[in-house]
């Protein structure tokens, strides 16, 4: 597998996860990332940043 393919796959997975997380927030007021890593924690912030970067990479494609 090429590095490009792996990056695309990880980007796709992160964007889907982010979209599903925001859907859960909107419908059920449940933030999965915050529940897993703690609201406002360093881990949660890293995940949110990675999802944002993945979305930007997808937009640039």
PDB file of N, CA and C in Angstrom:
ATOM      1  N   UNK A   1       0.833  -1.186   0.000  1.00  0.00           N
ATOM      2  CA  UNK A   1       0.000   0.000   0.000  1.00  0.00           C
ATOM      3  C   UNK A   1       0.878   1.249   0.000  1.00  0.00           C
ATOM      4  N   UNK A   2       0.450   2.217  -0.756  1.00  0.00           N
ATOM      5  CA  UNK A   2       1.230   3.447  -0.816  1.00  0.00           C
ATOM      6  C   UNK A   2       0.854   4.369   0.345  1.00  0.00           C
ATOM      7  N   UNK A   3       1.758   5.276   0.652  1.00  0.00           N
ATOM      8  CA  UNK A   3       1.530   6.245   1.722  1.00  0.00           C
ATOM      9  C   UNK A   3       0.337   7.126   1.401  1.00  0.00           C
ATOM     10  N   UNK A   4       0.176   7.476   0.122  1.00  0.00           N
ATOM     11  CA  UNK A   4      -0.950   8.312  -0.300  1.00  0.00           C
ATOM     12  C   UNK A   4      -2.282   7.626   0.002  1.00  0.00           C
ATOM     13  N   UNK A   5      -2.373   6.331  -0.298  1.00  0.00           N
ATOM     14  CA  UNK A   5      -3.594   5.571  -0.044  1.00  0.00           C
ATOM     15  C   UNK A   5      -3.903   5.516   1.452  1.00  0.00           C
ATOM     16  N   UNK A   6      -2.896   5.283   2.265  1.00  0.00           N
ATOM     17  CA  UNK A   6      -3.092   5.206   3.719  1.00  0.00           C
ATOM     18  C   UNK A   6      -3.558   6.559   4.255  1.00  0.00           C
ATOM     19  N   UNK A   7      -2.941   7.654   3.793  1.00  0.00           N
ATOM     20  CA  UNK A   7      -3.353   8.988   4.220  1.00  0.00           C
ATOM     21  C   UNK A   7      -4.802   9.264   3.830  1.00  0.00           C
ATOM     22  N   UNK A   8      -5.191   8.882   2.613  1.00  0.00           N
ATOM     23  CA  UNK A   8      -6.579   9.072   2.175  1.00  0.00           C
ATOM     24  C   UNK A   8      -7.538   8.273   3.038  1.00  0.00           C
ATOM     25  N   UNK A   9      -7.196   7.056   3.356  1.00  0.00           N
ATOM     26  CA  UNK A   9      -8.060   6.209   4.175  1.00  0.00           C
ATOM     27  C   UNK A   9      -8.223   6.781   5.581  1.00  0.00           C
ATOM     28  N   UNK A  10      -7.128   7.191   6.203  1.00  0.00           N
ATOM     29  CA  UNK A  10      -7.188   7.777   7.546  1.00  0.00           C
ATOM     30  C   UNK A  10      -8.000   9.065   7.518  1.00  0.00           C
ATOM     31  N   UNK A  11      -7.790   9.883   6.487  1.00  0.00           N
ATOM     32  CA  UNK A  11      -8.541  11.136   6.339  1.00  0.00           C
ATOM     33  C   UNK A  11     -10.031  10.854   6.237  1.00  0.00           C
ATOM     34  N   UNK A  12     -10.398   9.908   5.407  1.00  0.00           N
ATOM     35  CA  UNK A  12     -11.798   9.528   5.224  1.00  0.00           C
ATOM     36  C   UNK A  12     -12.414   9.054   6.537  1.00  0.00           C
ATOM     37  N   UNK A  13     -11.713   8.192   7.249  1.00  0.00           N
ATOM     38  CA  UNK A  13     -12.224   7.662   8.517  1.00  0.00           C
ATOM     39  C   UNK A  13     -12.412   8.783   9.538  1.00  0.00           C
ATOM     40  N   UNK A  14     -11.439   9.699   9.637  1.00  0.00           N
ATOM     41  CA  UNK A  14     -11.553  10.795  10.596  1.00  0.00           C
ATOM     42  C   UNK A  14     -12.730  11.714  10.275  1.00  0.00           C
ATOM     43  N   UNK A  15     -12.929  12.021   8.995  1.00  0.00           N
ATOM     44  CA  UNK A  15     -14.043  12.900   8.620  1.00  0.00           C
ATOM     45  C   UNK A  15     -15.381  12.218   8.895  1.00  0.00           C
ATOM     46  N   UNK A  16     -15.488  10.945   8.594  1.00  0.00           N
ATOM     47  CA  UNK A  16     -16.734  10.216   8.886  1.00  0.00           C
ATOM     48  C   UNK A  16     -16.981  10.181  10.387  1.00  0.00           C
ATOM     49  N   UNK A  17     -15.940   9.896  11.165  1.00  0.00           N
ATOM     50  CA  UNK A  17     -16.084   9.876  12.624  1.00  0.00           C
ATOM     51  C   UNK A  17     -16.516  11.246  13.143  1.00  0.00           C
ATOM     52  N   UNK A  18     -15.905  12.304  12.620  1.00  0.00           N
ATOM     53  CA  UNK A  18     -16.262  13.654  13.043  1.00  0.00           C
ATOM     54  C   UNK A  18     -17.708  13.987  12.713  1.00  0.00           C
ATOM     55  N   UNK A  19     -18.133  13.610  11.518  1.00  0.00           N
ATOM     56  CA  UNK A  19     -19.521  13.864  11.122  1.00  0.00           C
ATOM     57  C   UNK A  19     -20.493  13.086  12.003  1.00  0.00           C
ATOM     58  N   UNK A  20     -20.184  11.849  12.283  1.00  0.00           N
ATOM     59  CA  UNK A  20     -21.053  11.051  13.156  1.00  0.00           C
ATOM     60  C   UNK A  20     -21.076  11.625  14.575  1.00  0.00           C
ATOM     61  N   UNK A  21     -19.937  12.090  15.054  1.00  0.00           N
ATOM     62  CA  UNK A  21     -19.882  12.688  16.383  1.00  0.00           C
ATOM     63  C   UNK A  21     -20.768  13.926  16.451  1.00  0.00           C
ATOM     64  N   UNK A  22     -20.666  14.821  15.428  1.00  0.00           N
ATOM     65  CA  UNK A  22     -21.510  16.021  15.423  1.00  0.00           C
ATOM     66  C   UNK A  22     -22.984  15.665  15.277  1.00  0.00           C
ATOM     67  N   UNK A  23     -23.276  14.603  14.540  1.00  0.00           N
ATOM     68  CA  UNK A  23     -24.665  14.131  14.455  1.00  0.00           C
ATOM     69  C   UNK A  23     -25.182  13.701  15.813  1.00  0.00           C
ATOM     70  N   UNK A  24     -24.357  12.989  16.561  1.00  0.00           N
ATOM     71  CA  UNK A  24     -24.745  12.556  17.912  1.00  0.00           C
ATOM     72  C   UNK A  24     -24.941  13.760  18.829  1.00  0.00           C
ATOM     73  N   UNK A  25     -24.078  14.782  18.685  1.00  0.00           N
ATOM     74  CA  UNK A  25     -24.219  15.996  19.493  1.00  0.00           C
ATOM     75  C   UNK A  25     -25.540  16.675  19.159  1.00  0.00           C
ATOM     76  N   UNK A  26     -25.844  16.794  17.879  1.00  0.00           N
ATOM     77  CA  UNK A  26     -27.061  17.477  17.462  1.00  0.00           C
ATOM     78  C   UNK A  26     -28.329  16.746  17.834  1.00  0.00           C
ATOM     79  N   UNK A  27     -28.345  15.443  17.702  1.00  0.00           N
ATOM     80  CA  UNK A  27     -29.565  14.667  17.946  1.00  0.00           C
ATOM     81  C   UNK A  27     -29.734  14.308  19.421  1.00  0.00           C
ATOM     82  N   UNK A  28     -28.679  13.826  20.048  1.00  0.00           N
ATOM     83  CA  UNK A  28     -28.787  13.281  21.401  1.00  0.00           C
ATOM     84  C   UNK A  28     -28.029  14.075  22.466  1.00  0.00           C
ATOM     85  N   UNK A  29     -27.323  15.130  22.069  1.00  0.00           N
ATOM     86  CA  UNK A  29     -26.485  15.910  22.977  1.00  0.00           C
ATOM     87  C   UNK A  29     -25.424  15.025  23.648  1.00  0.00           C
ATOM     88  N   UNK A  30     -24.853  14.112  22.845  1.00  0.00           N
ATOM     89  CA  UNK A  30     -23.808  13.205  23.324  1.00  0.00           C
ATOM     90  C   UNK A  30     -22.562  13.441  22.477  1.00  0.00           C
ATOM     91  N   UNK A  31     -21.473  13.863  23.105  1.00  0.00           N
ATOM     92  CA  UNK A  31     -20.205  14.084  22.418  1.00  0.00           C
ATOM     93  C   UNK A  31     -19.298  12.907  22.741  1.00  0.00           C
ATOM     94  N   UNK A  32     -19.145  12.004  21.767  1.00  0.00           N
ATOM     95  CA  UNK A  32     -18.378  10.776  21.981  1.00  0.00           C
ATOM     96  C   UNK A  32     -16.909  11.091  22.295  1.00  0.00           C
ATOM     97  N   UNK A  33     -16.328  12.047  21.576  1.00  0.00           N
ATOM     98  CA  UNK A  33     -14.920  12.402  21.806  1.00  0.00           C
ATOM     99  C   UNK A  33     -14.734  12.893  23.238  1.00  0.00           C
ATOM    100  N   UNK A  34     -15.621  13.782  23.686  1.00  0.00           N
ATOM    101  CA  UNK A  34     -15.527  14.312  25.049  1.00  0.00           C
ATOM    102  C   UNK A  34     -15.720  13.208  26.080  1.00  0.00           C
ATOM    103  N   UNK A  35     -16.593  12.268  25.786  1.00  0.00           N
ATOM    104  CA  UNK A  35     -16.806  11.160  26.732  1.00  0.00           C
ATOM    105  C   UNK A  35     -15.597  10.242  26.812  1.00  0.00           C
ATOM    106  N   UNK A  36     -14.928  10.039  25.680  1.00  0.00           N
ATOM    107  CA  UNK A  36     -13.767   9.148  25.671  1.00  0.00           C
ATOM    108  C   UNK A  36     -12.534   9.794  26.291  1.00  0.00           C
ATOM    109  N   UNK A  37     -12.334  11.091  26.018  1.00  0.00           N
ATOM    110  CA  UNK A  37     -11.090  11.745  26.425  1.00  0.00           C
ATOM    111  C   UNK A  37     -11.267  12.790  27.516  1.00  0.00           C
ATOM    112  N   UNK A  38     -12.508  13.153  27.830  1.00  0.00           N
ATOM    113  CA  UNK A  38     -12.770  14.189  28.821  1.00  0.00           C
ATOM    114  C   UNK A  38     -13.000  15.533  28.151  1.00  0.00           C
ATOM    115  N   UNK A  39     -14.053  16.199  28.537  1.00  0.00           N
ATOM    116  CA  UNK A  39     -14.421  17.481  27.936  1.00  0.00           C
ATOM    117  C   UNK A  39     -13.299  18.503  28.131  1.00  0.00           C
ATOM    118  N   UNK A  40     -12.832  19.068  27.024  1.00  0.00           N
ATOM    119  CA  UNK A  40     -11.786  20.084  27.077  1.00  0.00           C
ATOM    120  C   UNK A  40     -10.392  19.553  27.360  1.00  0.00           C
ATOM    121  N   UNK A  41     -10.236  18.232  27.360  1.00  0.00           N
ATOM    122  CA  UNK A  41      -8.917  17.654  27.664  1.00  0.00           C
ATOM    123  C   UNK A  41      -7.976  17.791  26.469  1.00  0.00           C
ATOM    124  N   UNK A  42      -6.715  17.591  26.728  1.00  0.00           N
ATOM    125  CA  UNK A  42      -5.703  17.650  25.671  1.00  0.00           C
ATOM    126  C   UNK A  42      -6.005  16.599  24.600  1.00  0.00           C
ATOM    127  N   UNK A  43      -6.376  15.392  25.021  1.00  0.00           N
ATOM    128  CA  UNK A  43      -6.682  14.314  24.072  1.00  0.00           C
ATOM    129  C   UNK A  43      -7.844  14.665  23.164  1.00  0.00           C
ATOM    130  N   UNK A  44      -8.899  15.236  23.734  1.00  0.00           N
ATOM    131  CA  UNK A  44     -10.063  15.629  22.938  1.00  0.00           C
ATOM    132  C   UNK A  44      -9.674  16.716  21.944  1.00  0.00           C
ATOM    133  N   UNK A  45      -8.870  17.679  22.382  1.00  0.00           N
ATOM    134  CA  UNK A  45      -8.446  18.751  21.483  1.00  0.00           C
ATOM    135  C   UNK A  45      -7.627  18.205  20.328  1.00  0.00           C
ATOM    136  N   UNK A  46      -6.769  17.238  20.596  1.00  0.00           N
ATOM    137  CA  UNK A  46      -5.963  16.627  19.528  1.00  0.00           C
ATOM    138  C   UNK A  46      -6.868  15.939  18.512  1.00  0.00           C
ATOM    139  N   UNK A  47      -7.856  15.202  18.991  1.00  0.00           N
ATOM    140  CA  UNK A  47      -8.780  14.515  18.083  1.00  0.00           C
ATOM    141  C   UNK A  47      -9.545  15.523  17.243  1.00  0.00           C
ATOM    142  N   UNK A  48     -10.065  16.579  17.858  1.00  0.00           N
ATOM    143  CA  UNK A  48     -10.792  17.606  17.109  1.00  0.00           C
ATOM    144  C   UNK A  48      -9.892  18.251  16.054  1.00  0.00           C
ATOM    145  N   UNK A  49      -8.638  18.518  16.399  1.00  0.00           N
ATOM    146  CA  UNK A  49      -7.703  19.114  15.441  1.00  0.00           C
ATOM    147  C   UNK A  49      -7.431  18.147  14.286  1.00  0.00           C
ATOM    148  N   UNK A  50      -7.231  16.875  14.596  1.00  0.00           N
ATOM    149  CA  UNK A  50      -6.992  15.883  13.543  1.00  0.00           C
ATOM    150  C   UNK A  50      -8.187  15.782  12.598  1.00  0.00           C
ATOM    151  N   UNK A  51      -9.393  15.826  13.145  1.00  0.00           N
ATOM    152  CA  UNK A  51     -10.600  15.775  12.311  1.00  0.00           C
ATOM    153  C   UNK A  51     -10.679  17.017  11.431  1.00  0.00           C
ATOM    154  N   UNK A  52     -10.360  18.177  11.982  1.00  0.00           N
ATOM    155  CA  UNK A  52     -10.363  19.407  11.200  1.00  0.00           C
ATOM    156  C   UNK A  52      -9.335  19.385  10.086  1.00  0.00           C
ATOM    157  N   UNK A  53      -8.134  18.916  10.384  1.00  0.00           N
ATOM    158  CA  UNK A  53      -7.083  18.812   9.365  1.00  0.00           C
ATOM    159  C   UNK A  53      -7.500  17.822   8.279  1.00  0.00           C
ATOM    160  N   UNK A  54      -8.118  16.713   8.684  1.00  0.00           N
ATOM    161  CA  UNK A  54      -8.583  15.720   7.711  1.00  0.00           C
ATOM    162  C   UNK A  54      -9.636  16.333   6.784  1.00  0.00           C
ATOM    163  N   UNK A  55     -10.533  17.133   7.325  1.00  0.00           N
ATOM    164  CA  UNK A  55     -11.540  17.786   6.504  1.00  0.00           C
ATOM    165  C   UNK A  55     -10.895  18.748   5.508  1.00  0.00           C
ATOM    166  N   UNK A  56      -9.901  19.501   5.953  1.00  0.00           N
ATOM    167  CA  UNK A  56      -9.202  20.425   5.058  1.00  0.00           C
ATOM    168  C   UNK A  56      -8.507  19.655   3.942  1.00  0.00           C
ATOM    169  N   UNK A  57      -7.869  18.537   4.278  1.00  0.00           N
ATOM    170  CA  UNK A  57      -7.208  17.718   3.266  1.00  0.00           C
ATOM    171  C   UNK A  57      -8.219  17.187   2.247  1.00  0.00           C
ATOM    172  N   UNK A  58      -9.394  16.789   2.706  1.00  0.00           N
ATOM    173  CA  UNK A  58     -10.416  16.308   1.784  1.00  0.00           C
ATOM    174  C   UNK A  58     -10.909  17.430   0.871  1.00  0.00           C
ATOM    175  N   UNK A  59     -11.028  18.640   1.414  1.00  0.00           N
ATOM    176  CA  UNK A  59     -11.454  19.775   0.591  1.00  0.00           C
ATOM    177  C   UNK A  59     -10.421  20.116  -0.473  1.00  0.00           C
ATOM    178  N   UNK A  60      -9.165  19.902  -0.174  1.00  0.00           N
ATOM    179  CA  UNK A  60      -8.092  20.227  -1.113  1.00  0.00           C
ATOM    180  C   UNK A  60      -7.974  19.195  -2.236  1.00  0.00           C
ATOM    181  N   UNK A  61      -8.563  18.033  -2.074  1.00  0.00           N
ATOM    182  CA  UNK A  61      -8.494  16.980  -3.091  1.00  0.00           C
ATOM    183  C   UNK A  61      -9.222  17.392  -4.326  1.00  0.00           C
TER     184      UNK A  61
END
